[in-house]
N, C-alpha and C. Protein backbone atom coordinates (compact mmCIF):
# COMPACT_ATOMS: atom_id res chain seq x y z
N MET A 1 166.64 100.69 110.96
CA MET A 1 165.46 100.98 111.14
C MET A 1 164.82 102.27 110.84
N LYS A 2 164.92 102.72 111.86
CA LYS A 2 163.94 103.98 111.75
C LYS A 2 163.82 105.06 110.23
N GLN A 3 165.31 104.57 109.60
CA GLN A 3 165.84 104.96 108.39
C GLN A 3 164.64 104.36 107.17
N ARG A 4 164.92 103.35 107.50
CA ARG A 4 164.21 101.74 106.39
C ARG A 4 162.56 102.21 106.91
N ARG A 5 161.76 102.56 107.88
CA ARG A 5 160.97 102.27 108.43
C ARG A 5 160.04 101.30 108.57
N ILE A 6 160.76 100.99 109.75
CA ILE A 6 160.75 99.44 110.72
C ILE A 6 160.94 99.20 111.66
N THR A 7 159.89 98.78 112.23
CA THR A 7 160.03 98.70 114.14
C THR A 7 160.14 98.18 114.82
N ARG A 8 160.38 97.91 115.71
CA ARG A 8 161.25 96.93 116.33
C ARG A 8 159.98 95.80 116.76
N ALA A 9 157.98 96.24 116.48
CA ALA A 9 157.91 95.25 116.47
C ALA A 9 157.53 94.94 115.01
N MET A 10 158.24 94.85 114.06
CA MET A 10 158.18 94.44 112.83
C MET A 10 158.75 93.22 112.47
N LEU A 11 159.98 93.76 113.51
CA LEU A 11 161.51 92.85 113.60
C LEU A 11 161.00 92.19 114.57
N ALA A 12 160.99 91.87 115.51
CA ALA A 12 160.54 90.88 116.44
C ALA A 12 159.45 89.74 115.67
N GLU A 13 159.13 90.42 114.82
CA GLU A 13 157.52 89.53 113.85
C GLU A 13 158.49 88.47 113.15
N THR A 14 159.53 88.61 112.45
CA THR A 14 159.89 89.21 111.18
C THR A 14 160.92 87.50 112.03
N LEU A 15 161.07 87.89 113.54
CA LEU A 15 162.34 87.05 113.77
C LEU A 15 161.40 85.96 114.33
N LYS A 16 160.37 85.96 114.78
CA LYS A 16 159.65 84.86 115.80
C LYS A 16 158.97 84.13 114.60
N MET A 17 158.48 84.72 113.30
CA MET A 17 157.53 84.02 112.69
C MET A 17 158.44 83.68 111.13
N GLY A 18 159.47 84.72 110.72
CA GLY A 18 159.80 84.85 109.19
C GLY A 18 160.56 82.77 109.17
N LEU A 19 161.03 83.01 107.96
CA LEU A 19 161.34 81.84 106.90
C LEU A 19 162.87 82.04 106.80
N LEU A 20 163.77 81.13 107.02
CA LEU A 20 164.90 81.35 106.77
C LEU A 20 164.83 82.02 104.64
N ALA A 21 165.69 82.90 104.48
CA ALA A 21 165.75 83.41 103.03
C ALA A 21 166.63 82.30 102.16
N ARG A 22 167.52 82.18 103.07
CA ARG A 22 168.55 80.55 102.48
C ARG A 22 169.19 79.99 103.57
N ARG A 23 170.05 79.14 102.91
CA ARG A 23 171.20 78.42 104.19
C ARG A 23 171.92 79.09 104.96
N PRO A 24 172.08 79.06 105.88
CA PRO A 24 173.01 79.36 106.78
C PRO A 24 174.42 79.15 106.54
N GLU A 25 175.29 80.48 106.76
CA GLU A 25 176.41 80.04 106.09
C GLU A 25 177.47 80.56 107.36
N PRO A 26 178.21 79.68 107.31
CA PRO A 26 179.86 80.16 108.89
C PRO A 26 180.28 81.54 108.13
N ASP A 27 180.53 82.43 109.73
CA ASP A 27 181.10 82.91 109.27
C ASP A 27 182.97 83.15 109.69
N MET A 28 183.92 83.46 109.21
CA MET A 28 185.28 82.93 109.15
C MET A 28 185.51 83.56 110.33
N ARG A 29 185.38 84.93 111.11
CA ARG A 29 185.88 85.27 111.60
C ARG A 29 185.11 84.84 113.38
N HIS A 30 184.52 84.84 113.00
CA HIS A 30 183.54 84.21 114.84
C HIS A 30 183.02 82.73 114.74
N PRO A 31 182.44 81.83 115.69
CA PRO A 31 182.15 80.89 115.16
C PRO A 31 180.89 80.43 115.55
N GLY A 32 180.03 80.73 114.74
CA GLY A 32 179.17 80.95 114.55
C GLY A 32 178.72 81.46 113.04
N LEU A 33 177.22 81.14 112.86
CA LEU A 33 176.34 81.63 111.76
C LEU A 33 175.90 82.74 111.42
N LYS A 34 175.47 83.16 109.88
CA LYS A 34 174.82 84.08 109.53
C LYS A 34 173.67 83.28 108.85
N CYS A 35 172.49 84.11 108.79
CA CYS A 35 171.39 83.36 108.56
C CYS A 35 170.30 85.34 108.39
N GLU A 36 169.47 84.79 106.44
CA GLU A 36 168.59 85.57 106.48
C GLU A 36 167.38 85.56 106.81
N MET A 37 166.78 86.02 107.52
CA MET A 37 165.04 86.17 107.26
C MET A 37 164.47 86.85 106.69
N ARG A 38 163.07 86.35 106.54
CA ARG A 38 161.91 87.17 105.49
C ARG A 38 160.72 86.83 106.44
N ARG A 39 159.90 88.11 106.31
CA ARG A 39 158.45 87.60 106.82
C ARG A 39 158.03 88.98 106.24
N LEU A 40 156.45 88.78 105.63
CA LEU A 40 155.77 90.19 105.37
C LEU A 40 155.13 90.58 106.45
N VAL A 41 155.35 91.44 106.98
CA VAL A 41 155.03 91.83 108.07
C VAL A 41 153.73 93.67 107.76
N ALA A 42 152.87 94.13 108.22
CA ALA A 42 152.23 95.41 107.94
C ALA A 42 152.38 95.50 106.32
N GLY A 43 152.26 94.88 105.39
CA GLY A 43 152.13 95.27 104.42
C GLY A 43 153.71 95.26 103.60
N VAL A 44 154.65 94.83 104.61
CA VAL A 44 156.19 95.59 104.23
C VAL A 44 156.80 93.66 104.28
N ASN A 45 158.04 93.53 103.40
CA ASN A 45 158.44 92.27 103.26
C ASN A 45 159.95 92.95 103.98
N VAL A 46 160.02 92.21 104.79
CA VAL A 46 161.17 92.15 105.55
C VAL A 46 162.07 91.87 105.77
N ALA A 47 163.24 92.12 105.56
CA ALA A 47 164.56 91.09 105.64
C ALA A 47 165.65 91.36 106.87
N ALA A 48 165.99 90.26 107.33
CA ALA A 48 166.50 90.53 108.84
C ALA A 48 167.91 89.63 108.38
N VAL A 49 169.17 89.99 108.56
CA VAL A 49 169.45 89.28 108.31
C VAL A 49 170.89 89.17 109.78
N VAL A 50 170.56 88.35 110.51
CA VAL A 50 170.91 87.31 112.49
C VAL A 50 172.73 86.77 112.11
N TYR A 51 172.87 87.20 113.04
CA TYR A 51 174.29 86.81 113.54
C TYR A 51 174.01 85.75 114.80
N VAL A 52 174.01 84.09 113.91
CA VAL A 52 173.68 83.36 115.94
C VAL A 52 175.11 82.94 116.32
N GLU A 53 174.97 83.25 117.68
CA GLU A 53 176.38 82.87 118.07
C GLU A 53 176.08 81.41 118.53
N TYR A 54 177.01 80.36 118.54
CA TYR A 54 177.33 78.96 119.16
C TYR A 54 178.12 79.22 120.29
N PRO A 55 177.93 78.16 121.10
CA PRO A 55 177.08 77.62 121.44
C PRO A 55 175.83 78.22 122.36
N GLN A 56 175.71 79.36 122.59
CA GLN A 56 174.52 80.90 122.82
C GLN A 56 173.55 80.56 121.97
N PRO A 57 172.63 80.70 122.50
CA PRO A 57 170.80 80.75 122.15
C PRO A 57 170.54 82.30 121.84
N ALA A 58 172.14 83.46 121.50
CA ALA A 58 171.51 84.72 121.41
C ALA A 58 172.10 84.95 119.54
N LEU A 59 171.03 86.23 119.55
CA LEU A 59 171.23 86.47 118.24
C LEU A 59 171.58 88.36 118.27
N ILE A 60 172.64 88.14 116.97
CA ILE A 60 172.92 89.62 117.02
C ILE A 60 172.57 89.97 115.40
N VAL A 61 171.43 90.86 115.42
CA VAL A 61 170.95 91.74 114.79
C VAL A 61 171.78 92.52 113.39
N VAL A 62 172.44 91.92 112.17
CA VAL A 62 173.35 92.77 111.39
C VAL A 62 173.02 93.77 110.83
N THR A 63 171.75 93.70 109.98
CA THR A 63 171.15 94.62 109.45
C THR A 63 169.49 94.16 109.12
N VAL A 64 168.33 94.56 109.07
CA VAL A 64 166.82 94.88 108.59
C VAL A 64 167.09 95.97 107.65
N ILE A 65 166.21 95.38 106.32
CA ILE A 65 166.07 95.61 104.93
C ILE A 65 164.98 95.72 104.99
N ASP A 66 163.97 96.32 104.00
CA ASP A 66 163.02 96.66 103.22
C ASP A 66 163.04 95.74 102.18
N VAL A 67 162.64 94.80 101.36
CA VAL A 67 163.29 94.52 100.30
C VAL A 67 161.43 93.76 99.22
N SER A 68 161.11 94.46 99.72
CA SER A 68 159.77 95.35 98.54
C SER A 68 160.37 95.26 97.38
N GLU A 69 159.33 94.89 96.52
CA GLU A 69 159.52 95.83 95.05
C GLU A 69 159.07 97.24 94.76
N GLY A 70 159.66 97.43 93.97
CA GLY A 70 158.66 98.83 93.64
C GLY A 70 159.08 100.09 94.50
């Protein structure tokens, strides 16, 4: 996140207020789903790929990227 200039606060807002960018898909190795959430935060289009474990309500952040154009 530091290399991409995305802060924890930006990630937290993306996870709380972001929208799903595509349909969640199952992970063949684990009993859960991978989701991509996106949100415009502080002028940066942040995308976070997260893994949702089932049945636990836990999220594992896989990666966070800036998807702004240009």
